[in-house]
Amino acid sequence: MITLALVSALASATPSPAPASIPPADITSPGIVGFAFTFGLALVCVLLFLSLTKQLRKVNHRAALQAAEDEADNAPDAPDGPVDGRPEASR
């Protein structure tokens, strides 16, 4: 009984929708300022992405050089003489 009274009270308490008034487009449009800001922001992002790519390539190149240098430092030294025991003149 209480739920029926609550449902009927809530159903009758809803307001009727008011007619929507749509403002003119010249007031709601962002205009040239909004376009310029969005274009500038996109341009800055593209330049930042290009700079980031350049920096990442530098880091990768330096890491590859460092890895090659570390590998050369850790490699066993080559023998001073010929590998197969024969003198170099007889080859």
N, C-alpha and C. Protein backbone atom coordinates (compact mmCIF):
# COMPACT_ATOMS: atom_id res chain seq x y z
N MET A 1 0.81 -1.18 0.00
CA MET A 1 0.00 0.00 0.00
C MET A 1 0.87 1.26 0.00
N ILE A 2 1.93 1.20 0.78
CA ILE A 2 2.82 2.36 0.84
C ILE A 2 3.53 2.55 -0.50
N THR A 3 3.95 1.47 -1.12
CA THR A 3 4.66 1.59 -2.40
C THR A 3 3.74 2.16 -3.48
N LEU A 4 2.47 1.80 -3.46
CA LEU A 4 1.53 2.33 -4.43
C LEU A 4 1.36 3.83 -4.25
N ALA A 5 1.31 4.29 -3.02
CA ALA A 5 1.17 5.71 -2.75
C ALA A 5 2.45 6.45 -3.16
N LEU A 6 3.61 5.84 -2.93
CA LEU A 6 4.87 6.47 -3.30
C LEU A 6 5.01 6.57 -4.81
N VAL A 7 4.63 5.52 -5.52
CA VAL A 7 4.71 5.53 -6.98
C VAL A 7 3.76 6.56 -7.56
N SER A 8 2.57 6.66 -7.06
CA SER A 8 1.62 7.64 -7.59
C SER A 8 2.07 9.07 -7.26
N ALA A 9 2.71 9.28 -6.10
CA ALA A 9 3.20 10.61 -5.74
C ALA A 9 4.36 11.00 -6.65
N LEU A 10 5.26 10.06 -6.94
CA LEU A 10 6.37 10.37 -7.82
C LEU A 10 5.93 10.60 -9.25
N ALA A 11 4.92 9.86 -9.69
CA ALA A 11 4.44 10.01 -11.06
C ALA A 11 3.76 11.36 -11.25
N SER A 12 3.09 11.85 -10.26
CA SER A 12 2.40 13.13 -10.40
C SER A 12 3.34 14.31 -10.15
N ALA A 13 4.52 14.08 -9.56
CA ALA A 13 5.43 15.16 -9.23
C ALA A 13 6.35 15.53 -10.39
N THR A 14 6.36 14.77 -11.45
CA THR A 14 7.27 15.09 -12.55
C THR A 14 6.77 16.33 -13.29
N PRO A 15 7.68 17.25 -13.58
CA PRO A 15 7.26 18.45 -14.30
C PRO A 15 7.07 18.15 -15.78
N SER A 16 6.26 18.94 -16.41
CA SER A 16 6.07 18.76 -17.84
C SER A 16 7.26 19.41 -18.55
N PRO A 17 7.70 18.84 -19.67
CA PRO A 17 8.86 19.41 -20.36
C PRO A 17 8.54 20.78 -20.94
N ALA A 18 9.49 21.68 -20.80
CA ALA A 18 9.33 23.01 -21.35
C ALA A 18 9.85 23.00 -22.78
N PRO A 19 9.31 23.82 -23.61
CA PRO A 19 9.82 23.86 -24.99
C PRO A 19 11.27 24.34 -24.99
N ALA A 20 12.09 23.66 -25.76
CA ALA A 20 13.51 23.99 -25.82
C ALA A 20 13.74 25.18 -26.73
N SER A 21 14.50 26.11 -26.25
CA SER A 21 14.85 27.25 -27.10
C SER A 21 16.31 27.09 -27.51
N ILE A 22 16.53 27.03 -28.80
CA ILE A 22 17.87 26.84 -29.34
C ILE A 22 18.45 28.21 -29.68
N PRO A 23 19.60 28.53 -29.09
CA PRO A 23 20.20 29.84 -29.38
C PRO A 23 20.73 29.88 -30.81
N PRO A 24 20.90 31.05 -31.37
CA PRO A 24 21.40 31.16 -32.74
C PRO A 24 22.84 30.65 -32.86
N ALA A 25 23.20 30.26 -34.07
CA ALA A 25 24.50 29.63 -34.31
C ALA A 25 25.66 30.58 -34.07
N ASP A 26 25.47 31.88 -34.29
CA ASP A 26 26.59 32.80 -34.10
C ASP A 26 26.96 32.96 -32.63
N ILE A 27 26.09 32.58 -31.73
CA ILE A 27 26.41 32.64 -30.30
C ILE A 27 27.05 31.34 -29.84
N THR A 28 26.62 30.22 -30.35
CA THR A 28 27.10 28.92 -29.88
C THR A 28 28.31 28.41 -30.65
N SER A 29 28.63 28.96 -31.78
CA SER A 29 29.75 28.50 -32.60
C SER A 29 31.07 29.00 -32.02
N PRO A 30 32.11 28.15 -32.03
CA PRO A 30 33.41 28.61 -31.53
C PRO A 30 34.07 29.62 -32.46
N GLY A 31 33.69 29.61 -33.72
CA GLY A 31 34.20 30.59 -34.66
C GLY A 31 35.65 30.40 -35.04
N ILE A 32 36.25 31.46 -35.54
CA ILE A 32 37.61 31.40 -36.03
C ILE A 32 38.60 31.25 -34.87
N VAL A 33 38.27 31.78 -33.72
CA VAL A 33 39.16 31.67 -32.56
C VAL A 33 39.28 30.21 -32.12
N GLY A 34 38.17 29.51 -32.07
CA GLY A 34 38.19 28.10 -31.72
C GLY A 34 38.94 27.26 -32.74
N PHE A 35 38.74 27.58 -34.01
CA PHE A 35 39.46 26.86 -35.06
C PHE A 35 40.96 27.10 -34.95
N ALA A 36 41.36 28.35 -34.77
CA ALA A 36 42.79 28.69 -34.67
C ALA A 36 43.42 28.00 -33.47
N PHE A 37 42.73 27.99 -32.35
CA PHE A 37 43.27 27.34 -31.15
C PHE A 37 43.43 25.84 -31.37
N THR A 38 42.43 25.20 -31.94
CA THR A 38 42.49 23.76 -32.19
C THR A 38 43.59 23.43 -33.20
N PHE A 39 43.70 24.22 -34.25
CA PHE A 39 44.74 24.00 -35.26
C PHE A 39 46.12 24.18 -34.65
N GLY A 40 46.29 25.23 -33.85
CA GLY A 40 47.58 25.46 -33.19
C GLY A 40 47.95 24.34 -32.24
N LEU A 41 46.98 23.85 -31.50
CA LEU A 41 47.23 22.74 -30.57
C LEU A 41 47.63 21.48 -31.33
N ALA A 42 46.97 21.20 -32.43
CA ALA A 42 47.33 20.03 -33.25
C ALA A 42 48.73 20.19 -33.84
N LEU A 43 49.08 21.38 -34.27
CA LEU A 43 50.41 21.64 -34.84
C LEU A 43 51.50 21.45 -33.78
N VAL A 44 51.26 21.95 -32.58
CA VAL A 44 52.22 21.78 -31.50
C VAL A 44 52.39 20.29 -31.17
N CYS A 45 51.31 19.54 -31.16
CA CYS A 45 51.39 18.11 -30.88
C CYS A 45 52.20 17.38 -31.94
N VAL A 46 52.00 17.71 -33.20
CA VAL A 46 52.76 17.07 -34.28
C VAL A 46 54.24 17.37 -34.13
N LEU A 47 54.59 18.62 -33.83
CA LEU A 47 55.99 18.98 -33.64
C LEU A 47 56.60 18.26 -32.44
N LEU A 48 55.84 18.12 -31.37
CA LEU A 48 56.33 17.38 -30.21
C LEU A 48 56.55 15.91 -30.53
N PHE A 49 55.65 15.32 -31.30
CA PHE A 49 55.79 13.91 -31.67
C PHE A 49 57.02 13.70 -32.55
N LEU A 50 57.27 14.63 -33.48
CA LEU A 50 58.45 14.52 -34.33
C LEU A 50 59.74 14.65 -33.51
N SER A 51 59.74 15.56 -32.56
CA SER A 51 60.90 15.72 -31.70
C SER A 51 61.13 14.49 -30.85
N LEU A 52 60.06 13.91 -30.34
CA LEU A 52 60.17 12.70 -29.53
C LEU A 52 60.74 11.56 -30.37
N THR A 53 60.29 11.42 -31.60
CA THR A 53 60.80 10.37 -32.48
C THR A 53 62.29 10.55 -32.72
N LYS A 54 62.71 11.79 -32.95
CA LYS A 54 64.13 12.07 -33.17
C LYS A 54 64.95 11.69 -31.94
N GLN A 55 64.47 12.06 -30.76
CA GLN A 55 65.21 11.75 -29.54
C GLN A 55 65.27 10.25 -29.28
N LEU A 56 64.19 9.54 -29.57
CA LEU A 56 64.18 8.09 -29.37
C LEU A 56 65.14 7.39 -30.33
N ARG A 57 65.26 7.89 -31.55
CA ARG A 57 66.22 7.32 -32.49
C ARG A 57 67.64 7.53 -32.02
N LYS A 58 67.93 8.71 -31.45
CA LYS A 58 69.26 8.97 -30.90
C LYS A 58 69.57 8.01 -29.76
N VAL A 59 68.61 7.82 -28.89
CA VAL A 59 68.81 6.93 -27.74
C VAL A 59 69.04 5.50 -28.22
N ASN A 60 68.27 5.04 -29.18
CA ASN A 60 68.45 3.68 -29.71
C ASN A 60 69.82 3.52 -30.36
N HIS A 61 70.25 4.54 -31.09
CA HIS A 61 71.56 4.48 -31.75
C HIS A 61 72.67 4.42 -30.71
N ARG A 62 72.57 5.26 -29.69
CA ARG A 62 73.58 5.25 -28.63
C ARG A 62 73.59 3.92 -27.88
N ALA A 63 72.42 3.36 -27.65
CA ALA A 63 72.35 2.07 -26.96
C ALA A 63 72.98 0.97 -27.79
N ALA A 64 72.76 1.00 -29.11
CA ALA A 64 73.37 0.00 -29.99
C ALA A 64 74.89 0.14 -29.99
N LEU A 65 75.39 1.37 -30.03
CA LEU A 65 76.83 1.59 -29.99
C LEU A 65 77.42 1.12 -28.66
N GLN A 66 76.71 1.41 -27.58
CA GLN A 66 77.19 0.99 -26.26
C GLN A 66 77.19 -0.53 -26.15
N ALA A 67 76.17 -1.18 -26.69
CA ALA A 67 76.11 -2.65 -26.64
C ALA A 67 77.25 -3.25 -27.47
N ALA A 68 77.53 -2.68 -28.63
CA ALA A 68 78.62 -3.19 -29.45
C ALA A 68 79.96 -2.97 -28.76
N GLU A 69 80.11 -1.84 -28.10
CA GLU A 69 81.35 -1.57 -27.38
C GLU A 69 81.52 -2.51 -26.19
N ASP A 70 80.44 -2.76 -25.47
CA ASP A 70 80.49 -3.69 -24.35
C ASP A 70 80.82 -5.11 -24.83
N GLU A 71 80.23 -5.48 -25.96
CA GLU A 71 80.49 -6.81 -26.51
C GLU A 71 81.95 -6.94 -26.93
N ALA A 72 82.50 -5.89 -27.51
CA ALA A 72 83.91 -5.92 -27.93
C ALA A 72 84.83 -5.97 -26.71
N ASP A 73 84.44 -5.28 -25.64
CA ASP A 73 85.27 -5.30 -24.42
C ASP A 73 85.24 -6.65 -23.74
N ASN A 74 84.13 -7.34 -23.81
CA ASN A 74 83.98 -8.63 -23.14
C ASN A 74 84.43 -9.82 -23.98
N ALA A 75 84.70 -9.60 -25.26
CA ALA A 75 85.12 -10.69 -26.15
C ALA A 75 86.55 -11.11 -25.79
N PRO A 76 86.85 -12.40 -25.93
CA PRO A 76 88.23 -12.82 -25.66
C PRO A 76 89.16 -12.20 -26.68
N ASP A 77 90.38 -11.94 -26.23
CA ASP A 77 91.35 -11.32 -27.13
C ASP A 77 91.76 -12.29 -28.23
N ALA A 78 91.99 -11.75 -29.41
CA ALA A 78 92.45 -12.57 -30.53
C ALA A 78 93.90 -12.96 -30.30
N PRO A 79 94.31 -14.15 -30.72
CA PRO A 79 95.71 -14.54 -30.55
C PRO A 79 96.63 -13.66 -31.39
N ASP A 80 97.84 -13.49 -30.89
CA ASP A 80 98.79 -12.63 -31.59
C ASP A 80 99.34 -13.29 -32.85
N GLY A 81 99.50 -14.59 -32.82
CA GLY A 81 100.08 -15.30 -33.96
C GLY A 81 99.00 -15.80 -34.90
N PRO A 82 99.42 -16.59 -35.88
CA PRO A 82 98.44 -17.18 -36.80
C PRO A 82 97.55 -18.17 -36.07
N VAL A 83 96.34 -18.30 -36.56
CA VAL A 83 95.35 -19.13 -35.91
C VAL A 83 95.64 -20.62 -36.08
N ASP A 84 96.07 -21.03 -37.25
CA ASP A 84 96.28 -22.44 -37.53
C ASP A 84 97.70 -22.91 -37.24
N GLY A 85 98.59 -22.06 -36.73
CA GLY A 85 99.93 -22.46 -36.38
C GLY A 85 100.94 -22.27 -37.49
N ARG A 86 100.48 -21.99 -38.70
CA ARG A 86 101.42 -21.79 -39.79
C ARG A 86 101.83 -20.31 -39.83
N PRO A 87 103.01 -20.04 -40.23
CA PRO A 87 103.42 -18.62 -40.35
C PRO A 87 102.63 -17.94 -41.46
N GLU A 88 102.46 -16.64 -41.37
CA GLU A 88 101.63 -15.91 -42.32
C GLU A 88 102.24 -15.90 -43.72
N ALA A 89 103.53 -16.00 -43.85
CA ALA A 89 104.18 -15.96 -45.17
C ALA A 89 103.84 -17.21 -45.98
N SER A 90 103.58 -18.35 -45.33
CA SER A 90 103.31 -19.58 -46.08
C SER A 90 101.85 -19.71 -46.49
N ARG A 91 101.03 -18.81 -46.16
CA ARG A 91 99.61 -18.89 -46.52
C ARG A 91 99.39 -18.59 -47.92
